[in-house]
PDB file of N, CA and C in Angstrom:
ATOM      1  N   MET A   1       0.721  -1.402   0.133  1.00  0.00           N
ATOM      2  CA  MET A   1      -0.092  -0.134  -0.023  1.00  0.00           C
ATOM      3  C   MET A   1       0.949   1.078   0.034  1.00  0.00           C
ATOM      4  N   LYS A   2       0.568   2.260  -0.925  1.00  0.00           N
ATOM      5  CA  LYS A   2       1.306   3.404  -0.753  1.00  0.00           C
ATOM      6  C   LYS A   2       0.456   4.627  -0.513  1.00  0.00           C
ATOM      7  N   TYR A   3       0.950   5.384   0.025  1.00  0.00           N
ATOM      8  CA  TYR A   3       0.344   6.908   0.423  1.00  0.00           C
ATOM      9  C   TYR A   3       1.077   8.104  -0.018  1.00  0.00           C
ATOM     10  N   HIS A   4       0.642   8.902  -0.730  1.00  0.00           N
ATOM     11  CA  HIS A   4       1.519  10.294  -0.745  1.00  0.00           C
ATOM     12  C   HIS A   4       0.695  11.238  -0.519  1.00  0.00           C
ATOM     13  N   PRO A   5       1.018  12.026   0.842  1.00  0.00           N
ATOM     14  CA  PRO A   5      -0.211  13.277   1.090  1.00  0.00           C
ATOM     15  C   PRO A   5      -0.008  13.885  -0.363  1.00  0.00           C
ATOM     16  N   GLU A   6      -1.213  14.928  -0.380  1.00  0.00           N
ATOM     17  CA  GLU A   6      -1.387  16.127  -1.590  1.00  0.00           C
ATOM     18  C   GLU A   6      -0.248  16.961  -1.300  1.00  0.00           C
ATOM     19  N   GLY A   7       0.480  17.678  -1.837  1.00  0.00           N
ATOM     20  CA  GLY A   7       1.162  18.898  -1.695  1.00  0.00           C
ATOM     21  C   GLY A   7       2.601  18.159  -0.895  1.00  0.00           C
ATOM     22  N   SER A   8       3.104  17.550  -0.679  1.00  0.00           N
ATOM     23  CA  SER A   8       3.633  16.986   0.152  1.00  0.00           C
ATOM     24  C   SER A   8       4.826  16.021  -0.601  1.00  0.00           C
ATOM     25  N   ALA A   9       6.219  16.049  -0.289  1.00  0.00           N
ATOM     26  CA  ALA A   9       7.049  15.329  -0.878  1.00  0.00           C
ATOM     27  C   ALA A   9       7.271  13.458  -0.078  1.00  0.00           C
ATOM     28  N   THR A  10       6.250  13.708   0.801  1.00  0.00           N
ATOM     29  CA  THR A  10       6.350  12.530   1.526  1.00  0.00           C
ATOM     30  C   THR A  10       5.742  11.146   0.810  1.00  0.00           C
ATOM     31  N   MET A  11       6.387   9.933   0.724  1.00  0.00           N
ATOM     32  CA  MET A  11       5.706   9.088   0.359  1.00  0.00           C
ATOM     33  C   MET A  11       5.675   8.182   1.299  1.00  0.00           C
ATOM     34  N   LEU A  12       4.419   7.335   1.615  1.00  0.00           N
ATOM     35  CA  LEU A  12       4.467   6.221   2.829  1.00  0.00           C
ATOM     36  C   LEU A  12       3.933   4.866   1.969  1.00  0.00           C
ATOM     37  N   THR A  13       4.845   3.729   2.777  1.00  0.00           N
ATOM     38  CA  THR A  13       4.118   2.679   1.913  1.00  0.00           C
ATOM     39  C   THR A  13       4.537   1.482   3.074  1.00  0.00           C
ATOM     40  N   ALA A  14       3.613   0.481   2.889  1.00  0.00           N
ATOM     41  CA  ALA A  14       3.718  -0.225   3.816  1.00  0.00           C
ATOM     42  C   ALA A  14       3.434  -1.931   3.281  1.00  0.00           C
ATOM     43  N   ALA A  15       3.856  -2.926   3.629  1.00  0.00           N
ATOM     44  CA  ALA A  15       3.414  -4.309   3.099  1.00  0.00           C
ATOM     45  C   ALA A  15       3.120  -5.352   3.992  1.00  0.00           C
ATOM     46  N   VAL A  16       2.415  -6.187   3.523  1.00  0.00           N
ATOM     47  CA  VAL A  16       1.704  -7.339   4.345  1.00  0.00           C
ATOM     48  C   VAL A  16       2.347  -8.423   3.505  1.00  0.00           C
ATOM     49  N   PHE A  17       2.660  -9.449   4.396  1.00  0.00           N
ATOM     50  CA  PHE A  17       3.410 -10.949   3.738  1.00  0.00           C
ATOM     51  C   PHE A  17       3.588 -12.106   4.393  1.00  0.00           C
ATOM     52  N   GLN A  18       3.204 -13.379   3.666  1.00  0.00           N
ATOM     53  CA  GLN A  18       3.509 -14.240   4.797  1.00  0.00           C
ATOM     54  C   GLN A  18       4.465 -15.536   3.691  1.00  0.00           C
ATOM     55  N   LEU A  19       5.596 -15.519   4.685  1.00  0.00           N
ATOM     56  CA  LEU A  19       6.691 -16.827   3.525  1.00  0.00           C
ATOM     57  C   LEU A  19       6.633 -17.885   4.441  1.00  0.00           C
ATOM     58  N   ASN A  20       6.288 -19.246   3.580  1.00  0.00           N
ATOM     59  CA  ASN A  20       6.113 -20.541   4.296  1.00  0.00           C
ATOM     60  C   ASN A  20       7.383 -20.879   3.408  1.00  0.00           C
ATOM     61  N   GLN A  21       8.540 -22.011   4.357  1.00  0.00           N
ATOM     62  CA  GLN A  21       9.244 -22.148   3.834  1.00  0.00           C
ATOM     63  C   GLN A  21       9.349 -23.842   4.454  1.00  0.00           C
ATOM     64  N   GLU A  22       9.562 -25.322   3.533  1.00  0.00           N
ATOM     65  CA  GLU A  22       9.401 -26.177   3.904  1.00  0.00           C
ATOM     66  C   GLU A  22      10.889 -26.913   3.858  1.00  0.00           C
ATOM     67  N   TYR A  23      10.978 -27.959   4.918  1.00  0.00           N
ATOM     68  CA  TYR A  23      12.664 -28.802   4.535  1.00  0.00           C
ATOM     69  C   TYR A  23      13.404 -27.636   4.854  1.00  0.00           C
ATOM     70  N   VAL A  24      13.164 -26.966   5.872  1.00  0.00           N
ATOM     71  CA  VAL A  24      14.791 -26.322   6.599  1.00  0.00           C
ATOM     72  C   VAL A  24      15.649 -27.034   7.318  1.00  0.00           C
ATOM     73  N   LYS A  25      16.866 -26.187   6.490  1.00  0.00           N
ATOM     74  CA  LYS A  25      17.956 -27.263   7.045  1.00  0.00           C
ATOM     75  C   LYS A  25      18.436 -27.538   8.366  1.00  0.00           C
ATOM     76  N   SER A  26      18.375 -28.507   9.281  1.00  0.00           N
ATOM     77  CA  SER A  26      18.453 -28.862  10.400  1.00  0.00           C
ATOM     78  C   SER A  26      20.061 -30.210  10.964  1.00  0.00           C
ATOM     79  N   ALA A  27      20.204 -29.571  12.028  1.00  0.00           N
ATOM     80  CA  ALA A  27      21.863 -30.680  12.751  1.00  0.00           C
ATOM     81  C   ALA A  27      21.498 -31.998  12.298  1.00  0.00           C
ATOM     82  N   ASP A  28      22.184 -32.896  11.633  1.00  0.00           N
ATOM     83  CA  ASP A  28      21.618 -34.297  11.810  1.00  0.00           C
ATOM     84  C   ASP A  28      21.853 -34.717  12.766  1.00  0.00           C
ATOM     85  N   THR A  29      21.478 -35.438  13.625  1.00  0.00           N
ATOM     86  CA  THR A  29      21.713 -36.199  15.031  1.00  0.00           C
ATOM     87  C   THR A  29      22.500 -37.599  14.757  1.00  0.00           C
ATOM     88  N   GLN A  30      22.142 -38.384  13.696  1.00  0.00           N
ATOM     89  CA  GLN A  30      23.067 -39.266  13.506  1.00  0.00           C
ATOM     90  C   GLN A  30      24.419 -39.046  13.140  1.00  0.00           C
ATOM     91  N   HIS A  31      24.454 -37.923  12.516  1.00  0.00           N
ATOM     92  CA  HIS A  31      25.861 -38.131  11.893  1.00  0.00           C
ATOM     93  C   HIS A  31      26.236 -35.925  12.268  1.00  0.00           C
ATOM     94  N   LEU A  32      27.478 -35.987  13.222  1.00  0.00           N
ATOM     95  CA  LEU A  32      28.249 -34.981  13.782  1.00  0.00           C
ATOM     96  C   LEU A  32      28.377 -34.172  12.513  1.00  0.00           C
ATOM     97  N   GLY A  33      28.270 -33.218  12.555  1.00  0.00           N
ATOM     98  CA  GLY A  33      28.696 -32.376  11.402  1.00  0.00           C
ATOM     99  C   GLY A  33      27.690 -32.158  10.393  1.00  0.00           C
ATOM    100  N   PHE A  34      26.948 -32.910   9.924  1.00  0.00           N
ATOM    101  CA  PHE A  34      26.222 -32.939   8.967  1.00  0.00           C
ATOM    102  C   PHE A  34      24.785 -32.473   8.656  1.00  0.00           C
ATOM    103  N   TRP A  35      24.058 -32.311   8.112  1.00  0.00           N
ATOM    104  CA  TRP A  35      22.494 -31.342   7.626  1.00  0.00           C
ATOM    105  C   TRP A  35      21.971 -32.369   7.763  1.00  0.00           C
ATOM    106  N   THR A  36      20.681 -32.048   7.626  1.00  0.00           N
ATOM    107  CA  THR A  36      19.394 -33.050   7.088  1.00  0.00           C
ATOM    108  C   THR A  36      18.151 -31.684   6.945  1.00  0.00           C
ATOM    109  N   GLN A  37      17.292 -31.418   5.627  1.00  0.00           N
ATOM    110  CA  GLN A  37      15.976 -31.252   5.923  1.00  0.00           C
ATOM    111  C   GLN A  37      15.207 -31.549   5.965  1.00  0.00           C
ATOM    112  N   THR A  38      14.367 -30.593   7.392  1.00  0.00           N
ATOM    113  CA  THR A  38      13.421 -31.048   7.909  1.00  0.00           C
ATOM    114  C   THR A  38      12.643 -29.820   8.063  1.00  0.00           C
ATOM    115  N   GLY A  39      11.363 -30.585   8.570  1.00  0.00           N
ATOM    116  CA  GLY A  39      11.097 -29.281   9.228  1.00  0.00           C
ATOM    117  C   GLY A  39       9.872 -28.286   8.695  1.00  0.00           C
ATOM    118  N   GLU A  40       9.362 -27.115   9.023  1.00  0.00           N
ATOM    119  CA  GLU A  40       8.838 -25.809   8.381  1.00  0.00           C
ATOM    120  C   GLU A  40       8.855 -24.466   9.224  1.00  0.00           C
ATOM    121  N   THR A  41       9.344 -23.672   8.439  1.00  0.00           N
ATOM    122  CA  THR A  41       9.187 -22.216   9.025  1.00  0.00           C
ATOM    123  C   THR A  41       8.168 -20.944   8.571  1.00  0.00           C
ATOM    124  N   CYS A  42       7.636 -20.238   8.753  1.00  0.00           N
ATOM    125  CA  CYS A  42       6.693 -19.456   8.642  1.00  0.00           C
ATOM    126  C   CYS A  42       6.879 -17.934   8.748  1.00  0.00           C
ATOM    127  N   SER A  43       6.974 -16.675   8.371  1.00  0.00           N
ATOM    128  CA  SER A  43       7.643 -15.720   8.571  1.00  0.00           C
ATOM    129  C   SER A  43       6.239 -14.700   8.157  1.00  0.00           C
ATOM    130  N   ARG A  44       5.718 -14.055   8.755  1.00  0.00           N
ATOM    131  CA  ARG A  44       4.649 -13.387   8.264  1.00  0.00           C
ATOM    132  C   ARG A  44       5.486 -11.269   8.991  1.00  0.00           C
ATOM    133  N   GLY A  45       4.935 -10.679   8.199  1.00  0.00           N
ATOM    134  CA  GLY A  45       5.382  -9.002   8.491  1.00  0.00           C
ATOM    135  C   GLY A  45       4.094  -8.254   7.745  1.00  0.00           C
ATOM    136  N   ALA A  46       4.165  -7.130   8.715  1.00  0.00           N
ATOM    137  CA  ALA A  46       3.563  -5.748   8.398  1.00  0.00           C
ATOM    138  C   ALA A  46       4.266  -4.884   9.272  1.00  0.00           C
ATOM    139  N   GLY A  47       5.356  -4.387   9.179  1.00  0.00           N
ATOM    140  CA  GLY A  47       6.075  -3.917  10.138  1.00  0.00           C
ATOM    141  C   GLY A  47       6.354  -4.392  11.244  1.00  0.00           C
ATOM    142  N   MET A  48       6.354  -5.941  10.669  1.00  0.00           N
ATOM    143  CA  MET A  48       6.932  -7.081  12.198  1.00  0.00           C
ATOM    144  C   MET A  48       7.126  -8.226  11.412  1.00  0.00           C
ATOM    145  N   ARG A  49       8.026  -9.013  12.376  1.00  0.00           N
ATOM    146  CA  ARG A  49       8.506 -10.144  11.870  1.00  0.00           C
ATOM    147  C   ARG A  49       7.892 -11.141  12.638  1.00  0.00           C
ATOM    148  N   TYR A  50       7.362 -12.333  12.551  1.00  0.00           N
ATOM    149  CA  TYR A  50       7.015 -13.051  13.506  1.00  0.00           C
ATOM    150  C   TYR A  50       7.320 -14.496  13.110  1.00  0.00           C
ATOM    151  N   SER A  51       7.980 -15.370  14.006  1.00  0.00           N
ATOM    152  CA  SER A  51       8.301 -16.344  13.847  1.00  0.00           C
ATOM    153  C   SER A  51       7.782 -17.460  14.588  1.00  0.00           C
ATOM    154  N   GLY A  52       6.720 -18.597  14.214  1.00  0.00           N
ATOM    155  CA  GLY A  52       6.397 -19.432  14.972  1.00  0.00           C
ATOM    156  C   GLY A  52       7.292 -20.483  15.505  1.00  0.00           C
ATOM    157  N   SER A  53       6.232 -21.432  16.897  1.00  0.00           N
ATOM    158  CA  SER A  53       7.043 -22.017  17.690  1.00  0.00           C
ATOM    159  C   SER A  53       7.295 -23.165  16.573  1.00  0.00           C
ATOM    160  N   SER A  54       8.587 -23.790  16.566  1.00  0.00           N
ATOM    161  CA  SER A  54       9.014 -24.795  15.902  1.00  0.00           C
ATOM    162  C   SER A  54      10.191 -25.751  16.922  1.00  0.00           C
ATOM    163  N   GLY A  55      10.224 -26.852  16.339  1.00  0.00           N
ATOM    164  CA  GLY A  55      11.098 -28.092  17.219  1.00  0.00           C
ATOM    165  C   GLY A  55      12.498 -27.650  17.279  1.00  0.00           C
ATOM    166  N   GLY A  56      12.856 -27.689  18.466  1.00  0.00           N
ATOM    167  CA  GLY A  56      14.308 -27.124  18.855  1.00  0.00           C
ATOM    168  C   GLY A  56      15.507 -28.344  18.132  1.00  0.00           C
ATOM    169  N   ASN A  57      15.077 -29.513  18.006  1.00  0.00           N
ATOM    170  CA  ASN A  57      15.561 -30.390  17.509  1.00  0.00           C
ATOM    171  C   ASN A  57      15.031 -31.043  16.324  1.00  0.00           C
ATOM    172  N   PRO A  58      15.947 -31.891  15.770  1.00  0.00           N
ATOM    173  CA  PRO A  58      15.676 -33.025  14.777  1.00  0.00           C
ATOM    174  C   PRO A  58      14.557 -33.617  15.248  1.00  0.00           C
ATOM    175  N   HIS A  59      14.371 -34.207  16.769  1.00  0.00           N
ATOM    176  CA  HIS A  59      13.344 -34.784  17.333  1.00  0.00           C
ATOM    177  C   HIS A  59      12.298 -34.492  17.857  1.00  0.00           C
ATOM    178  N   ASN A  60      12.308 -33.052  18.007  1.00  0.00           N
ATOM    179  CA  ASN A  60      11.628 -32.283  18.532  1.00  0.00           C
ATOM    180  C   ASN A  60      11.500 -32.557  20.628  1.00  0.00           C
ATOM    181  N   ILE A  61      12.586 -32.489  20.577  1.00  0.00           N
ATOM    182  CA  ILE A  61      12.395 -32.816  22.324  1.00  0.00           C
ATOM    183  C   ILE A  61      12.229 -31.981  22.857  1.00  0.00           C
ATOM    184  N   PHE A  62      12.711 -30.367  22.301  1.00  0.00           N
ATOM    185  CA  PHE A  62      11.917 -29.443  23.250  1.00  0.00           C
ATOM    186  C   PHE A  62      11.485 -28.329  21.963  1.00  0.00           C
ATOM    187  N   LYS A  63      10.623 -27.612  22.039  1.00  0.00           N
ATOM    188  CA  LYS A  63      10.406 -26.289  21.662  1.00  0.00           C
ATOM    189  C   LYS A  63      11.209 -25.061  21.510  1.00  0.00           C
ATOM    190  N   GLU A  64      10.955 -24.465  20.432  1.00  0.00           N
ATOM    191  CA  GLU A  64      11.613 -23.112  20.552  1.00  0.00           C
ATOM    192  C   GLU A  64      10.287 -22.039  20.046  1.00  0.00           C
ATOM    193  N   PRO A  65      10.423 -21.187  21.363  1.00  0.00           N
ATOM    194  CA  PRO A  65       9.171 -20.592  21.251  1.00  0.00           C
ATOM    195  C   PRO A  65       9.134 -19.348  20.150  1.00  0.00           C
ATOM    196  N   SER A  66       7.907 -19.261  20.263  1.00  0.00           N
ATOM    197  CA  SER A  66       7.681 -17.916  18.661  1.00  0.00           C
ATOM    198  C   SER A  66       8.067 -16.968  19.039  1.00  0.00           C
ATOM    199  N   VAL A  67       8.440 -15.770  17.908  1.00  0.00           N
ATOM    200  CA  VAL A  67       8.742 -14.375  18.410  1.00  0.00           C
ATOM    201  C   VAL A  67       8.048 -13.330  17.486  1.00  0.00           C
ATOM    202  N   ALA A  68       7.582 -12.267  17.810  1.00  0.00           N
ATOM    203  CA  ALA A  68       7.416 -11.341  17.221  1.00  0.00           C
ATOM    204  C   ALA A  68       8.259 -10.188  16.962  1.00  0.00           C
ATOM    205  N   LEU A  69       8.989  -9.927  16.250  1.00  0.00           N
ATOM    206  CA  LEU A  69       9.918  -8.389  16.459  1.00  0.00           C
ATOM    207  C   LEU A  69       9.313  -7.153  15.404  1.00  0.00           C
ATOM    208  N   ASP A  70       9.358  -6.038  16.002  1.00  0.00           N
ATOM    209  CA  ASP A  70       9.228  -4.950  15.222  1.00  0.00           C
ATOM    210  C   ASP A  70      10.570  -4.739  14.140  1.00  0.00           C
ATOM    211  N   ASP A  71      10.014  -4.327  13.090  1.00  0.00           N
ATOM    212  CA  ASP A  71      11.364  -3.426  11.929  1.00  0.00           C
ATOM    213  C   ASP A  71      11.176  -2.497  11.537  1.00  0.00           C
ATOM    214  N   LEU A  72      12.171  -1.532  11.222  1.00  0.00           N
ATOM    215  CA  LEU A  72      11.794   0.018  10.515  1.00  0.00           C
ATOM    216  C   LEU A  72      12.601  -0.127   9.313  1.00  0.00           C
ATOM    217  N   ALA A  73      12.122   0.410   8.371  1.00  0.00           N
ATOM    218  CA  ALA A  73      12.800   0.823   7.148  1.00  0.00           C
ATOM    219  C   ALA A  73      12.517   2.353   6.771  1.00  0.00           C
ATOM    220  N   VAL A  74      13.019   3.233   6.222  1.00  0.00           N
ATOM    221  CA  VAL A  74      13.073   4.690   5.806  1.00  0.00           C
ATOM    222  C   VAL A  74      13.802   4.527   4.821  1.00  0.00           C
ATOM    223  N   SER A  75      13.326   5.287   3.916  1.00  0.00           N
ATOM    224  CA  SER A  75      15.145   5.973   2.780  1.00  0.00           C
ATOM    225  C   SER A  75      13.996   7.151   2.583  1.00  0.00           C
ATOM    226  N   TYR A  76      15.065   7.756   1.847  1.00  0.00           N
ATOM    227  CA  TYR A  76      15.052   9.518   1.824  1.00  0.00           C
ATOM    228  C   TYR A  76      15.559   9.611   0.330  1.00  0.00           C
ATOM    229  N   ASP A  77      15.081   9.841  -0.351  1.00  0.00           N
ATOM    230  CA  ASP A  77      15.255  10.429  -1.830  1.00  0.00           C
ATOM    231  C   ASP A  77      15.558  11.543  -1.816  1.00  0.00           C
ATOM    232  N   LEU A  78      17.032  11.876  -2.194  1.00  0.00           N
ATOM    233  CA  LEU A  78      17.754  12.781  -2.139  1.00  0.00           C
ATOM    234  C   LEU A  78      17.601  13.704  -3.670  1.00  0.00           C
ATOM    235  N   TYR A  79      17.021  13.552  -4.673  1.00  0.00           N
ATOM    236  CA  TYR A  79      16.732  14.263  -6.088  1.00  0.00           C
ATOM    237  C   TYR A  79      16.513  15.497  -5.622  1.00  0.00           C
ATOM    238  N   GLY A  80      15.900  16.010  -4.894  1.00  0.00           N
ATOM    239  CA  GLY A  80      15.400  17.385  -4.563  1.00  0.00           C
ATOM    240  C   GLY A  80      16.738  18.414  -4.020  1.00  0.00           C
ATOM    241  N   LEU A  81      17.530  17.319  -3.732  1.00  0.00           N
ATOM    242  CA  LEU A  81      18.848  18.181  -2.710  1.00  0.00           C
ATOM    243  C   LEU A  81      19.980  18.266  -4.284  1.00  0.00           C
ATOM    244  N   THR A  82      19.824  17.212  -4.439  1.00  0.00           N
ATOM    245  CA  THR A  82      21.444  16.960  -5.368  1.00  0.00           C
ATOM    246  C   THR A  82      21.079  16.820  -7.140  1.00  0.00           C
ATOM    247  N   GLY A  83      20.004  16.778  -7.213  1.00  0.00           N
ATOM    248  CA  GLY A  83      19.458  16.526  -8.721  1.00  0.00           C
ATOM    249  C   GLY A  83      19.903  15.507  -9.200  1.00  0.00           C
ATOM    250  N   THR A  84      20.380  14.208  -8.232  1.00  0.00           N
ATOM    251  CA  THR A  84      20.692  13.064  -8.730  1.00  0.00           C
ATOM    252  C   THR A  84      19.585  12.159  -8.082  1.00  0.00           C
ATOM    253  N   GLU A  85      19.863  11.057  -8.929  1.00  0.00           N
ATOM    254  CA  GLU A  85      18.844   9.504  -8.200  1.00  0.00           C
ATOM    255  C   GLU A  85      19.533   8.932  -7.383  1.00  0.00           C
ATOM    256  N   VAL A  86      20.003   9.357  -6.107  1.00  0.00           N
ATOM    257  CA  VAL A  86      20.705   8.803  -5.036  1.00  0.00           C
ATOM    258  C   VAL A  86      19.490   8.686  -3.862  1.00  0.00           C
ATOM    259  N   THR A  87      18.752   7.756  -3.352  1.00  0.00           N
ATOM    260  CA  THR A  87      18.139   7.187  -2.202  1.00  0.00           C
ATOM    261  C   THR A  87      19.277   6.791  -1.301  1.00  0.00           C
ATOM    262  N   VAL A  88      18.813   7.437   0.100  1.00  0.00           N
ATOM    263  CA  VAL A  88      19.605   6.976   1.354  1.00  0.00           C
ATOM    264  C   VAL A  88      18.483   6.417   2.288  1.00  0.00           C
ATOM    265  N   PRO A  89      18.824   4.850   2.342  1.00  0.00           N
ATOM    266  CA  PRO A  89      17.860   3.851   3.122  1.00  0.00           C
ATOM    267  C   PRO A  89      18.714   3.834   4.400  1.00  0.00           C
ATOM    268  N   MET A  90      17.873   3.428   5.411  1.00  0.00           N
ATOM    269  CA  MET A  90      18.068   2.861   7.210  1.00  0.00           C
ATOM    270  C   MET A  90      16.935   1.791   7.438  1.00  0.00           C
ATOM    271  N   ASN A  91      17.699   0.589   7.555  1.00  0.00           N
ATOM    272  CA  ASN A  91      16.894  -0.303   7.960  1.00  0.00           C
ATOM    273  C   ASN A  91      17.286  -0.593   9.716  1.00  0.00           C
ATOM    274  N   VAL A  92      15.836  -0.619  10.430  1.00  0.00           N
ATOM    275  CA  VAL A  92      16.584  -1.285  12.074  1.00  0.00           C
ATOM    276  C   VAL A  92      15.705  -2.748  12.093  1.00  0.00           C
ATOM    277  N   SER A  93      16.434  -3.279  12.854  1.00  0.00           N
ATOM    278  CA  SER A  93      15.643  -4.598  13.327  1.00  0.00           C
ATOM    279  C   SER A  93      15.627  -4.983  14.482  1.00  0.00           C
ATOM    280  N   ASN A  94      14.593  -5.483  14.940  1.00  0.00           N
ATOM    281  CA  ASN A  94      14.446  -5.816  16.572  1.00  0.00           C
ATOM    282  C   ASN A  94      14.592  -4.336  17.382  1.00  0.00           C
ATOM    283  N   LEU A  95      13.361  -3.454  16.875  1.00  0.00           N
ATOM    284  CA  LEU A  95      13.103  -2.212  17.471  1.00  0.00           C
ATOM    285  C   LEU A  95      13.108  -2.166  19.437  1.00  0.00           C
ATOM    286  N   ALA A  96      12.632  -2.915  19.747  1.00  0.00           N
ATOM    287  CA  ALA A  96      12.737  -3.174  20.955  1.00  0.00           C
ATOM    288  C   ALA A  96      13.934  -3.947  21.806  1.00  0.00           C
ATOM    289  N   ASP A  97      14.761  -4.561  20.712  1.00  0.00           N
ATOM    290  CA  ASP A  97      16.188  -5.238  21.247  1.00  0.00           C
ATOM    291  C   ASP A  97      15.400  -6.329  22.203  1.00  0.00           C
ATOM    292  N   LYS A  98      14.727  -6.939  22.044  1.00  0.00           N
ATOM    293  CA  LYS A  98      14.319  -8.135  22.690  1.00  0.00           C
ATOM    294  C   LYS A  98      15.206  -9.294  22.504  1.00  0.00           C
ATOM    295  N   GLN A  99      15.442 -10.318  23.385  1.00  0.00           N
ATOM    296  CA  GLN A  99      16.156 -11.465  23.074  1.00  0.00           C
ATOM    297  C   GLN A  99      15.344 -12.554  23.159  1.00  0.00           C
ATOM    298  N   TYR A 100      15.477 -13.348  22.070  1.00  0.00           N
ATOM    299  CA  TYR A 100      14.925 -14.442  21.704  1.00  0.00           C
ATOM    300  C   TYR A 100      16.318 -15.679  20.842  1.00  0.00           C
ATOM    301  N   THR A 101      15.189 -16.788  20.686  1.00  0.00           N
ATOM    302  CA  THR A 101      16.478 -17.769  20.182  1.00  0.00           C
ATOM    303  C   THR A 101      16.277 -17.813  18.716  1.00  0.00           C
ATOM    304  N   ALA A 102      17.092 -17.063  18.038  1.00  0.00           N
ATOM    305  CA  ALA A 102      16.887 -16.721  16.596  1.00  0.00           C
ATOM    306  C   ALA A 102      17.065 -17.811  15.615  1.00  0.00           C
ATOM    307  N   ASN A 103      17.504 -18.832  15.992  1.00  0.00           N
ATOM    308  CA  ASN A 103      18.057 -20.058  15.157  1.00  0.00           C
ATOM    309  C   ASN A 103      18.051 -21.367  16.151  1.00  0.00           C
ATOM    310  N   CYS A 104      17.863 -22.545  16.314  1.00  0.00           N
ATOM    311  CA  CYS A 104      17.931 -23.441  17.279  1.00  0.00           C
ATOM    312  C   CYS A 104      17.766 -25.195  16.662  1.00  0.00           C
ATOM    313  N   ARG A 105      18.889 -25.247  15.952  1.00  0.00           N
ATOM    314  CA  ARG A 105      18.815 -26.685  15.325  1.00  0.00           C
ATOM    315  C   ARG A 105      19.147 -27.908  15.741  1.00  0.00           C
ATOM    316  N   SER A 106      19.654 -27.582  16.975  1.00  0.00           N
ATOM    317  CA  SER A 106      19.903 -29.267  17.516  1.00  0.00           C
ATOM    318  C   SER A 106      20.284 -28.673  18.877  1.00  0.00           C
ATOM    319  N   ASP A 107      20.778 -29.897  19.942  1.00  0.00           N
ATOM    320  CA  ASP A 107      21.047 -29.806  21.035  1.00  0.00           C
ATOM    321  C   ASP A 107      22.442 -28.992  21.515  1.00  0.00           C
ATOM    322  N   MET A 108      23.080 -29.021  20.839  1.00  0.00           N
ATOM    323  CA  MET A 108      24.408 -28.382  20.514  1.00  0.00           C
ATOM    324  C   MET A 108      24.632 -26.724  19.807  1.00  0.00           C
ATOM    325  N   TYR A 109      23.941 -26.645  18.684  1.00  0.00           N
ATOM    326  CA  TYR A 109      23.712 -25.294  18.207  1.00  0.00           C
ATOM    327  C   TYR A 109      22.685 -24.456  18.296  1.00  0.00           C
ATOM    328  N   PHE A 110      22.399 -23.310  18.866  1.00  0.00           N
ATOM    329  CA  PHE A 110      21.675 -22.247  18.860  1.00  0.00           C
ATOM    330  C   PHE A 110      22.172 -21.061  18.838  1.00  0.00           C
ATOM    331  N   PHE A 111      21.327 -20.066  18.406  1.00  0.00           N
ATOM    332  CA  PHE A 111      21.982 -18.604  17.997  1.00  0.00           C
ATOM    333  C   PHE A 111      20.921 -17.679  19.314  1.00  0.00           C
ATOM    334  N   ILE A 112      20.943 -16.535  19.714  1.00  0.00           N
ATOM    335  CA  ILE A 112      20.981 -15.629  20.564  1.00  0.00           C
ATOM    336  C   ILE A 112      20.584 -14.604  19.453  1.00  0.00           C
ATOM    337  N   GLY A 113      19.187 -13.873  19.306  1.00  0.00           N
ATOM    338  CA  GLY A 113      18.921 -12.578  18.655  1.00  0.00           C
ATOM    339  C   GLY A 113      18.798 -11.699  19.589  1.00  0.00           C
TER     340      GLY A 113
END
């Protein structure tokens, strides 16, 4: 969705999406140092990222909790100042600086976001 206020140089945009991914790469518990493709993950967005609960290892002995994170993307078009097609973007991930398990694929490998 786009919104351009009349008489303004401001352009506001928003997007809503859902991405589903099957066969996510996971650590192979039978062969240390190898990977297998299992499971499914889902990302949703509307100025936010959502990751649903998922198995923490290939045997689903424990679960990774779901998490919702707020992100922000802003860009400024410098054409009015420089006369050239230059845009300055700024992206901020995890505005609230929330700590969460970003990725957990085995009992030994997990990453904190």
